[in-house]
Amino acid sequence: MAEEWKHPGGKLAELGAECLSEEEILAILISSGVRGRSAQTIARDIVQKFGSFRQMVGLPLERFLEVKGLGDVKILRIAAAFEIARRVLKDWKG
């Protein structure tokens, strides 16, 4: 029987990052929700609206404001994560 996780951070700690869905990774980056909308709900909305990380990576940051519950700080966290990935990939490619 699969364990129910209250927050994807617990799943990350127990099973490792590779076991997380894109939605769960986004929920960790978003950290906290807003009144009536959990971080997981906001993350689910992002994935439903924009698709995979690959599809999100080139979007203007303003597009993320279309998702209810995302403000500047949460969007900047997501942008920073994409930039980390871009730099790692650039260094890896040489």
N, C-alpha and C. Protein backbone atom coordinates (compact mmCIF):
# COMPACT_ATOMS: atom_id res chain seq x y z
N MET A 1 0.83 -1.18 0.00
CA MET A 1 0.00 0.00 0.00
C MET A 1 0.88 1.25 0.00
N ALA A 2 0.61 2.19 -0.90
CA ALA A 2 1.38 3.43 -1.01
C ALA A 2 1.07 4.33 0.18
N GLU A 3 2.09 4.97 0.70
CA GLU A 3 1.91 5.89 1.82
C GLU A 3 1.28 7.18 1.32
N GLU A 4 0.36 7.74 2.10
CA GLU A 4 -0.23 9.04 1.82
C GLU A 4 0.68 10.10 2.41
N TRP A 5 1.06 11.06 1.62
CA TRP A 5 1.93 12.14 2.09
C TRP A 5 1.09 13.40 2.26
N LYS A 6 1.23 14.05 3.41
CA LYS A 6 0.50 15.31 3.64
C LYS A 6 1.13 16.44 2.85
N HIS A 7 2.41 16.37 2.62
CA HIS A 7 3.13 17.38 1.83
C HIS A 7 4.23 16.66 1.07
N PRO A 8 4.50 17.07 -0.16
CA PRO A 8 5.52 16.37 -0.94
C PRO A 8 6.93 16.46 -0.35
N GLY A 9 7.15 17.40 0.58
CA GLY A 9 8.46 17.47 1.23
C GLY A 9 8.77 16.21 2.02
N GLY A 10 7.76 15.64 2.65
CA GLY A 10 7.96 14.38 3.37
C GLY A 10 8.28 13.24 2.42
N LYS A 11 7.62 13.22 1.29
CA LYS A 11 7.89 12.20 0.27
C LYS A 11 9.31 12.35 -0.25
N LEU A 12 9.74 13.59 -0.48
CA LEU A 12 11.10 13.85 -0.94
C LEU A 12 12.11 13.34 0.07
N ALA A 13 11.89 13.64 1.35
CA ALA A 13 12.82 13.22 2.40
C ALA A 13 12.90 11.70 2.52
N GLU A 14 11.77 11.03 2.37
CA GLU A 14 11.74 9.57 2.55
C GLU A 14 12.14 8.78 1.31
N LEU A 15 11.71 9.25 0.14
CA LEU A 15 11.89 8.44 -1.08
C LEU A 15 12.87 9.03 -2.09
N GLY A 16 13.18 10.31 -1.95
CA GLY A 16 14.10 10.95 -2.88
C GLY A 16 13.38 11.75 -3.94
N ALA A 17 14.09 12.72 -4.50
CA ALA A 17 13.51 13.65 -5.47
C ALA A 17 13.01 12.96 -6.73
N GLU A 18 13.66 11.90 -7.12
CA GLU A 18 13.27 11.21 -8.37
C GLU A 18 11.88 10.59 -8.29
N CYS A 19 11.34 10.45 -7.09
CA CYS A 19 10.00 9.86 -6.91
C CYS A 19 8.89 10.90 -6.99
N LEU A 20 9.25 12.17 -7.09
CA LEU A 20 8.25 13.23 -7.11
C LEU A 20 7.77 13.53 -8.53
N SER A 21 6.50 13.86 -8.64
CA SER A 21 5.94 14.33 -9.91
C SER A 21 6.32 15.80 -10.08
N GLU A 22 6.12 16.33 -11.27
CA GLU A 22 6.39 17.76 -11.50
C GLU A 22 5.49 18.60 -10.60
N GLU A 23 4.26 18.17 -10.43
CA GLU A 23 3.32 18.88 -9.55
C GLU A 23 3.85 18.94 -8.12
N GLU A 24 4.39 17.83 -7.63
CA GLU A 24 4.91 17.79 -6.26
C GLU A 24 6.15 18.67 -6.10
N ILE A 25 7.01 18.68 -7.11
CA ILE A 25 8.20 19.54 -7.07
C ILE A 25 7.78 21.00 -7.03
N LEU A 26 6.81 21.37 -7.86
CA LEU A 26 6.31 22.74 -7.84
C LEU A 26 5.70 23.10 -6.49
N ALA A 27 4.97 22.18 -5.89
CA ALA A 27 4.36 22.44 -4.58
C ALA A 27 5.43 22.74 -3.54
N ILE A 28 6.56 22.05 -3.60
CA ILE A 28 7.66 22.32 -2.68
C ILE A 28 8.22 23.72 -2.92
N LEU A 29 8.40 24.09 -4.18
CA LEU A 29 8.92 25.42 -4.49
C LEU A 29 7.94 26.51 -4.06
N ILE A 30 6.65 26.28 -4.27
CA ILE A 30 5.63 27.25 -3.90
C ILE A 30 5.57 27.40 -2.39
N SER A 31 5.80 26.32 -1.67
CA SER A 31 5.93 26.27 -0.22
C SER A 31 4.61 26.37 0.52
N SER A 32 3.96 27.50 0.46
CA SER A 32 2.70 27.65 1.17
C SER A 32 1.63 28.14 0.21
N GLY A 33 0.42 27.80 0.53
CA GLY A 33 -0.69 28.23 -0.30
C GLY A 33 -1.18 29.60 0.12
N VAL A 34 -2.37 29.90 -0.34
CA VAL A 34 -3.04 31.13 0.04
C VAL A 34 -4.42 30.73 0.58
N ARG A 35 -5.13 31.64 1.15
CA ARG A 35 -6.43 31.31 1.74
C ARG A 35 -7.29 30.53 0.74
N GLY A 36 -7.65 29.32 1.14
CA GLY A 36 -8.53 28.49 0.32
C GLY A 36 -7.84 27.70 -0.78
N ARG A 37 -6.53 27.87 -0.94
CA ARG A 37 -5.80 27.16 -2.01
C ARG A 37 -4.45 26.69 -1.48
N SER A 38 -4.27 25.39 -1.39
CA SER A 38 -3.00 24.84 -0.91
C SER A 38 -1.93 24.96 -1.98
N ALA A 39 -0.69 24.81 -1.56
CA ALA A 39 0.43 24.80 -2.52
C ALA A 39 0.23 23.69 -3.55
N GLN A 40 -0.28 22.54 -3.13
CA GLN A 40 -0.50 21.42 -4.05
C GLN A 40 -1.57 21.78 -5.09
N THR A 41 -2.62 22.48 -4.68
CA THR A 41 -3.66 22.90 -5.61
C THR A 41 -3.11 23.89 -6.63
N ILE A 42 -2.34 24.84 -6.16
CA ILE A 42 -1.73 25.83 -7.06
C ILE A 42 -0.80 25.12 -8.05
N ALA A 43 0.01 24.19 -7.55
CA ALA A 43 0.92 23.44 -8.42
C ALA A 43 0.15 22.64 -9.47
N ARG A 44 -0.94 22.02 -9.06
CA ARG A 44 -1.77 21.25 -10.00
C ARG A 44 -2.31 22.18 -11.09
N ASP A 45 -2.74 23.38 -10.71
CA ASP A 45 -3.24 24.34 -11.68
C ASP A 45 -2.16 24.76 -12.68
N ILE A 46 -0.94 24.93 -12.20
CA ILE A 46 0.17 25.30 -13.07
C ILE A 46 0.41 24.21 -14.12
N VAL A 47 0.48 22.97 -13.66
CA VAL A 47 0.74 21.85 -14.58
C VAL A 47 -0.41 21.70 -15.57
N GLN A 48 -1.64 21.86 -15.11
CA GLN A 48 -2.79 21.76 -16.03
C GLN A 48 -2.78 22.88 -17.06
N LYS A 49 -2.39 24.06 -16.66
CA LYS A 49 -2.41 25.22 -17.56
C LYS A 49 -1.24 25.22 -18.54
N PHE A 50 -0.04 24.87 -18.06
CA PHE A 50 1.16 25.04 -18.87
C PHE A 50 1.83 23.74 -19.31
N GLY A 51 1.46 22.62 -18.70
CA GLY A 51 2.07 21.35 -19.09
C GLY A 51 3.33 21.05 -18.30
N SER A 52 4.28 20.45 -18.95
CA SER A 52 5.51 19.97 -18.31
C SER A 52 6.49 21.12 -18.05
N PHE A 53 7.53 20.82 -17.28
CA PHE A 53 8.59 21.79 -17.04
C PHE A 53 9.17 22.27 -18.36
N ARG A 54 9.36 21.36 -19.29
CA ARG A 54 9.92 21.71 -20.59
C ARG A 54 9.06 22.78 -21.28
N GLN A 55 7.76 22.66 -21.14
CA GLN A 55 6.85 23.63 -21.75
C GLN A 55 6.83 24.96 -20.99
N MET A 56 7.12 24.90 -19.70
CA MET A 56 7.08 26.11 -18.87
C MET A 56 8.35 26.95 -18.99
N VAL A 57 9.45 26.30 -19.28
CA VAL A 57 10.76 26.94 -19.15
C VAL A 57 10.89 28.23 -19.95
N GLY A 58 10.30 28.33 -21.11
CA GLY A 58 10.45 29.53 -21.91
C GLY A 58 9.35 30.56 -21.75
N LEU A 59 8.42 30.31 -20.86
CA LEU A 59 7.29 31.23 -20.68
C LEU A 59 7.73 32.53 -20.02
N PRO A 60 7.17 33.65 -20.45
CA PRO A 60 7.41 34.90 -19.70
C PRO A 60 6.86 34.75 -18.28
N LEU A 61 7.55 35.29 -17.32
CA LEU A 61 7.13 35.15 -15.92
C LEU A 61 5.71 35.69 -15.70
N GLU A 62 5.32 36.68 -16.45
CA GLU A 62 3.99 37.27 -16.29
C GLU A 62 2.87 36.25 -16.52
N ARG A 63 3.14 35.24 -17.35
CA ARG A 63 2.12 34.22 -17.62
C ARG A 63 1.73 33.48 -16.35
N PHE A 64 2.67 33.32 -15.43
CA PHE A 64 2.40 32.59 -14.19
C PHE A 64 1.43 33.37 -13.30
N LEU A 65 1.33 34.68 -13.50
CA LEU A 65 0.37 35.48 -12.73
C LEU A 65 -1.07 35.10 -13.06
N GLU A 66 -1.27 34.37 -14.16
CA GLU A 66 -2.60 33.91 -14.55
C GLU A 66 -3.13 32.82 -13.61
N VAL A 67 -2.24 32.23 -12.81
CA VAL A 67 -2.63 31.16 -11.90
C VAL A 67 -2.98 31.76 -10.54
N LYS A 68 -4.20 31.53 -10.11
CA LYS A 68 -4.67 32.06 -8.83
C LYS A 68 -3.82 31.48 -7.69
N GLY A 69 -3.28 32.37 -6.87
CA GLY A 69 -2.47 31.94 -5.73
C GLY A 69 -0.98 32.14 -5.95
N LEU A 70 -0.59 32.49 -7.18
CA LEU A 70 0.82 32.77 -7.44
C LEU A 70 1.05 34.27 -7.42
N GLY A 71 2.02 34.68 -6.63
CA GLY A 71 2.44 36.07 -6.59
C GLY A 71 3.90 36.15 -6.97
N ASP A 72 4.45 37.32 -6.85
CA ASP A 72 5.83 37.56 -7.29
C ASP A 72 6.84 36.62 -6.64
N VAL A 73 6.76 36.44 -5.33
CA VAL A 73 7.76 35.63 -4.63
C VAL A 73 7.71 34.18 -5.09
N LYS A 74 6.54 33.62 -5.20
CA LYS A 74 6.41 32.22 -5.63
C LYS A 74 6.88 32.06 -7.07
N ILE A 75 6.55 33.01 -7.92
CA ILE A 75 6.98 32.95 -9.32
C ILE A 75 8.50 33.07 -9.41
N LEU A 76 9.10 33.92 -8.61
CA LEU A 76 10.56 34.06 -8.62
C LEU A 76 11.25 32.79 -8.14
N ARG A 77 10.65 32.07 -7.20
CA ARG A 77 11.22 30.79 -6.77
C ARG A 77 11.23 29.80 -7.93
N ILE A 78 10.13 29.74 -8.66
CA ILE A 78 10.04 28.83 -9.81
C ILE A 78 11.07 29.25 -10.87
N ALA A 79 11.16 30.54 -11.15
CA ALA A 79 12.13 31.03 -12.14
C ALA A 79 13.56 30.70 -11.72
N ALA A 80 13.86 30.83 -10.44
CA ALA A 80 15.21 30.52 -9.94
C ALA A 80 15.52 29.03 -10.12
N ALA A 81 14.54 28.17 -9.88
CA ALA A 81 14.75 26.73 -10.06
C ALA A 81 15.03 26.41 -11.52
N PHE A 82 14.29 27.04 -12.44
CA PHE A 82 14.54 26.83 -13.87
C PHE A 82 15.93 27.32 -14.26
N GLU A 83 16.36 28.42 -13.67
CA GLU A 83 17.69 28.95 -13.97
C GLU A 83 18.78 28.02 -13.44
N ILE A 84 18.59 27.45 -12.26
CA ILE A 84 19.55 26.47 -11.75
C ILE A 84 19.68 25.31 -12.73
N ALA A 85 18.53 24.80 -13.18
CA ALA A 85 18.54 23.68 -14.13
C ALA A 85 19.24 24.07 -15.42
N ARG A 86 18.98 25.27 -15.93
CA ARG A 86 19.62 25.73 -17.16
C ARG A 86 21.14 25.79 -17.00
N ARG A 87 21.60 26.32 -15.88
CA ARG A 87 23.05 26.43 -15.66
C ARG A 87 23.71 25.07 -15.49
N VAL A 88 23.06 24.17 -14.78
CA VAL A 88 23.61 22.82 -14.62
C VAL A 88 23.72 22.14 -15.97
N LEU A 89 22.67 22.25 -16.78
CA LEU A 89 22.68 21.65 -18.10
C LEU A 89 23.78 22.24 -18.98
N LYS A 90 23.92 23.57 -18.91
CA LYS A 90 24.97 24.26 -19.68
C LYS A 90 26.35 23.76 -19.26
N ASP A 91 26.60 23.67 -17.96
CA ASP A 91 27.90 23.18 -17.46
C ASP A 91 28.12 21.72 -17.83
N TRP A 92 27.07 20.94 -17.78
CA TRP A 92 27.15 19.51 -18.08
C TRP A 92 27.49 19.28 -19.56
N LYS A 93 26.90 20.09 -20.42
CA LYS A 93 27.16 19.99 -21.86
C LYS A 93 28.56 20.47 -22.22
N GLY A 94 29.11 21.31 -21.34
CA GLY A 94 30.46 21.81 -21.55
C GLY A 94 30.45 23.01 -22.38
